[in-house]
Amino acid sequence: MRVAICEDSALFREGMVRLLSEAGFQVAAAVDDAEKLLALAGGDPPDVAVLDIRLPPAHTDEGLRAARTLRRRHPEIGVLVLSQYVRVSYAVELLGGGVEGVGYLLKDRVSDLAEFAAAIRRVGSGGSALDPVVVEQLVSRHRQPDDPLIQLTGRERDVLRLMAEGRTNLAISERLAIAERTVEKHCTNIFGKLGLEAGPHDHRRVLAVLRYLNA
């Protein structure tokens, strides 16, 4: 899997190059600003772009805007943004186009190479990878009394939260120490309570996550 890195800190950028190369990725490019990344995507697109939210020249939200541009112009490229801090408004803005092929992680996660590599692979395969802290911040917002998510049991919420992080049923079963068949049952209950019927044109798992994050 080919990965492009966009990070203005030379030390952090080179550290990611080394870590990802050791994890078996091909680092297609490592640049220090959003314009270079967008130019690269237009000529020699990578499978995944990993970029910091704060980039030159103003170090505000240049990376976030670049991520949205990438998703609009090159939906085939997975986009994984890194942030030093959690900002719910940034996460909501990033997820506005859906949760497929997108990720939002805190920079601290990079130190866990196995977790970081797994997140990149999920995003590159069209899945999602949301930091647990990001998910917690998103879902802690006030919910309305008629919100169907209130109907979910505590365990169903746990399953949906891990689903929102991009975990598979197997990964969820291992994390919660329950059988994979039990996870499947919880998923069926979640879909039913949220009114998500099976159909050839809709992905209920994605719809459930979107409902969860945007409620």
Protein backbone atom coordinates (compact mmCIF):
# COMPACT_ATOMS: atom_id res chain seq x y z
CA MET A 1 0.00 0.00 0.00
CA ARG A 2 1.41 3.39 -1.07
CA VAL A 3 1.25 6.15 1.52
CA ALA A 4 1.91 9.89 1.21
CA ILE A 5 2.80 11.83 4.36
CA CYS A 6 2.16 15.53 4.86
CA GLU A 7 3.69 16.89 8.06
CA ASP A 8 5.67 20.12 8.55
CA SER A 9 7.73 18.87 11.51
CA ALA A 10 10.80 17.31 9.89
CA LEU A 11 11.50 15.09 12.91
CA PHE A 12 7.95 13.73 13.11
CA ARG A 13 7.72 13.37 9.32
CA GLU A 14 10.92 11.36 9.06
CA GLY A 15 9.89 9.28 12.05
CA MET A 16 6.67 8.29 10.27
CA VAL A 17 8.60 7.48 7.09
CA ARG A 18 10.82 5.09 9.02
CA LEU A 19 7.96 3.51 10.99
CA LEU A 20 5.74 2.96 7.97
CA SER A 21 8.59 1.57 5.89
CA GLU A 22 9.32 -0.91 8.67
CA ALA A 23 5.62 -1.85 8.73
CA GLY A 24 5.72 -2.81 5.04
CA PHE A 25 4.22 0.32 3.45
CA GLN A 26 5.70 2.06 0.44
CA VAL A 27 6.11 5.73 1.32
CA ALA A 28 5.36 7.42 -2.00
CA ALA A 29 6.19 10.92 -0.73
CA ALA A 30 6.81 12.90 2.43
CA VAL A 31 6.01 16.60 2.04
CA ASP A 32 5.69 19.56 4.39
CA ASP A 33 2.64 21.47 3.13
CA ALA A 34 -0.85 20.85 1.78
CA GLU A 35 -0.23 22.30 -1.69
CA LYS A 36 2.51 19.76 -2.37
CA LEU A 37 0.25 16.94 -1.24
CA LEU A 38 -2.61 18.06 -3.49
CA ALA A 39 -0.23 18.36 -6.44
CA LEU A 40 1.05 14.85 -5.78
CA ALA A 41 -2.48 13.45 -5.61
CA GLY A 42 -3.25 14.93 -9.01
CA GLY A 43 -0.23 13.35 -10.68
CA ASP A 44 0.79 10.19 -8.84
CA PRO A 45 -1.97 9.44 -6.31
CA PRO A 46 -1.14 7.28 -3.28
CA ASP A 47 -3.53 4.78 -1.72
CA VAL A 48 -3.63 6.74 1.52
CA ALA A 49 -2.68 10.29 2.50
CA VAL A 50 -1.65 10.85 6.11
CA LEU A 51 -1.63 14.52 7.06
CA ASP A 52 -1.53 16.80 10.05
CA ILE A 53 -4.54 19.05 10.59
CA ARG A 54 -2.32 22.08 11.27
CA LEU A 55 0.01 22.88 8.38
CA PRO A 56 1.82 25.94 6.95
CA PRO A 57 1.40 28.76 6.39
CA ALA A 58 -0.98 29.65 9.24
CA HIS A 59 -0.96 26.34 11.16
CA THR A 60 -4.71 26.43 11.74
CA ASP A 61 -6.83 24.05 9.67
CA GLU A 62 -4.91 23.83 6.38
CA GLY A 63 -4.62 20.07 6.69
CA LEU A 64 -8.32 19.66 7.33
CA ARG A 65 -9.18 21.73 4.27
CA ALA A 66 -6.71 19.72 2.21
CA ALA A 67 -8.31 16.50 3.47
CA ARG A 68 -11.74 17.68 2.37
CA THR A 69 -10.34 18.67 -1.03
CA LEU A 70 -8.74 15.25 -1.44
CA ARG A 71 -12.00 13.51 -0.60
CA ARG A 72 -13.86 15.63 -3.12
CA ARG A 73 -11.35 15.45 -5.98
CA HIS A 74 -9.91 11.98 -5.37
CA PRO A 75 -12.43 9.81 -3.50
CA GLU A 76 -10.30 6.76 -4.28
CA ILE A 77 -7.57 8.03 -1.92
CA GLY A 78 -7.98 7.16 1.74
CA VAL A 79 -7.46 10.14 4.04
CA LEU A 80 -6.12 9.85 7.58
CA VAL A 81 -5.69 13.10 9.52
CA LEU A 82 -3.61 13.45 12.66
CA SER A 83 -4.18 15.98 15.41
CA GLN A 84 -2.46 16.91 18.64
CA TYR A 85 -5.82 17.65 20.27
CA VAL A 86 -9.44 16.62 19.78
CA ARG A 87 -11.75 19.19 18.23
CA VAL A 88 -15.27 17.94 17.69
CA SER A 89 -15.95 20.57 15.02
CA TYR A 90 -13.01 19.28 12.96
CA ALA A 91 -14.20 15.68 13.24
CA VAL A 92 -17.76 16.60 12.23
CA GLU A 93 -16.46 18.59 9.27
CA LEU A 94 -14.21 15.75 8.13
CA LEU A 95 -16.98 13.17 8.43
CA GLY A 96 -19.47 15.33 6.57
CA GLY A 97 -18.77 13.37 3.39
CA GLY A 98 -19.25 9.98 5.05
CA VAL A 99 -17.04 7.62 6.99
CA GLU A 100 -15.72 5.47 4.14
CA GLY A 101 -11.98 5.78 3.51
CA VAL A 102 -11.41 8.33 6.26
CA GLY A 103 -9.68 8.42 9.62
CA TYR A 104 -9.01 10.84 12.46
CA LEU A 105 -6.36 9.91 15.04
CA LEU A 106 -4.51 11.67 17.79
CA LYS A 107 -0.78 11.92 17.14
CA ASP A 108 -0.09 9.88 20.26
CA ARG A 109 -1.40 6.81 18.42
CA VAL A 110 1.51 6.92 15.98
CA SER A 111 3.79 5.54 18.69
CA ASP A 112 1.77 2.30 18.64
CA LEU A 113 2.97 1.07 15.25
CA ALA A 114 0.64 -1.92 15.07
CA GLU A 115 -2.42 0.24 15.78
CA PHE A 116 -1.26 3.01 13.44
CA ALA A 117 -0.55 0.57 10.61
CA ALA A 118 -3.91 -1.13 11.09
CA ALA A 119 -5.66 2.25 10.91
CA ILE A 120 -3.93 3.10 7.63
CA ARG A 121 -4.84 -0.27 6.13
CA ARG A 122 -8.49 0.14 7.14
CA VAL A 123 -8.67 3.61 5.62
CA GLY A 124 -6.88 2.45 2.47
CA SER A 125 -9.38 -0.39 2.12
CA GLY A 126 -12.36 1.95 2.26
CA GLY A 127 -13.04 1.60 5.96
CA SER A 128 -12.73 4.10 8.76
CA ALA A 129 -10.39 4.64 11.69
CA LEU A 130 -11.56 7.02 14.38
CA ASP A 131 -9.62 7.60 17.58
CA PRO A 132 -11.53 6.34 20.64
CA VAL A 133 -11.13 9.78 22.23
CA VAL A 134 -12.62 11.40 19.12
CA VAL A 135 -15.58 9.02 19.17
CA GLU A 136 -16.14 9.66 22.88
CA GLN A 137 -16.15 13.42 22.31
CA LEU A 138 -18.56 13.10 19.39
CA VAL A 139 -21.08 10.93 21.18
CA SER A 140 -20.98 12.81 24.48
CA ARG A 141 -22.93 15.67 22.97
CA HIS A 142 -26.47 16.22 24.24
CA ARG A 143 -29.03 13.88 22.71
CA GLN A 144 -32.68 14.67 22.16
CA PRO A 145 -35.36 12.63 24.02
CA ASP A 146 -36.65 11.18 20.74
CA ASP A 147 -33.19 10.04 19.63
CA PRO A 148 -33.50 6.32 18.66
CA LEU A 149 -30.00 5.72 20.03
CA ILE A 150 -31.48 6.04 23.52
CA GLN A 151 -33.17 2.68 22.90
CA LEU A 152 -29.81 0.91 22.68
CA THR A 153 -28.57 -1.13 25.62
CA GLY A 154 -25.19 -0.45 27.17
CA ARG A 155 -23.63 -3.39 25.36
CA GLU A 156 -25.15 -2.34 22.05
CA ARG A 157 -23.65 1.11 22.56
CA ASP A 158 -20.26 -0.49 23.20
CA VAL A 159 -20.55 -2.45 19.95
CA LEU A 160 -21.63 0.62 17.98
CA ARG A 161 -18.83 2.72 19.50
CA LEU A 162 -16.22 0.18 18.37
CA MET A 163 -17.95 -0.07 15.01
CA ALA A 164 -17.53 3.71 14.71
CA GLU A 165 -13.80 3.30 15.32
CA GLY A 166 -13.73 1.08 12.23
CA ARG A 167 -13.45 -2.30 14.02
CA THR A 168 -14.62 -5.53 12.41
CA ASN A 169 -16.96 -7.92 14.21
CA LEU A 170 -14.00 -10.13 15.05
CA ALA A 171 -12.05 -7.21 16.51
CA ILE A 172 -15.11 -6.11 18.49
CA SER A 173 -15.58 -9.61 19.90
CA GLU A 174 -11.94 -9.69 21.01
CA ARG A 175 -12.12 -6.22 22.55
CA LEU A 176 -15.32 -6.97 24.50
CA ALA A 177 -14.41 -10.60 25.25
CA ILE A 178 -17.63 -11.95 23.74
CA ALA A 179 -18.35 -14.40 20.92
CA GLU A 180 -18.36 -13.07 17.36
CA ARG A 181 -21.86 -14.52 16.94
CA THR A 182 -22.96 -12.38 19.90
CA VAL A 183 -21.53 -9.30 18.19
CA GLU A 184 -23.51 -10.17 15.06
CA LYS A 185 -26.67 -10.44 17.17
CA HIS A 186 -25.99 -7.03 18.74
CA CYS A 187 -25.45 -5.55 15.26
CA THR A 188 -28.79 -6.94 14.09
CA ASN A 189 -30.49 -5.43 17.15
CA ILE A 190 -28.81 -2.07 16.52
CA PHE A 191 -29.93 -1.99 12.90
CA GLY A 192 -33.47 -2.85 13.94
CA LYS A 193 -33.68 -0.19 16.67
CA LEU A 194 -32.30 2.45 14.32
CA GLY A 195 -34.79 1.48 11.61
CA LEU A 196 -32.10 0.45 9.13
CA GLU A 197 -33.57 -2.20 6.86
CA ALA A 198 -31.43 -4.43 4.68
CA GLY A 199 -31.31 -3.38 1.03
CA PRO A 200 -29.13 -3.77 -2.06
CA HIS A 201 -28.16 -0.09 -2.20
CA ASP A 202 -27.45 0.74 1.45
CA HIS A 203 -24.65 -0.31 3.78
CA ARG A 204 -26.33 -0.60 7.18
CA ARG A 205 -23.05 -0.62 9.08
CA VAL A 206 -22.02 2.72 7.57
CA LEU A 207 -25.49 4.19 8.07
CA ALA A 208 -25.51 3.11 11.71
CA VAL A 209 -22.13 4.76 12.33
CA LEU A 210 -23.26 7.97 10.64
CA ARG A 211 -26.43 8.00 12.73
CA TYR A 212 -24.33 7.41 15.86
CA LEU A 213 -21.84 10.19 15.16
CA ASN A 214 -24.25 12.79 13.84
CA ALA A 215 -27.20 12.28 16.21
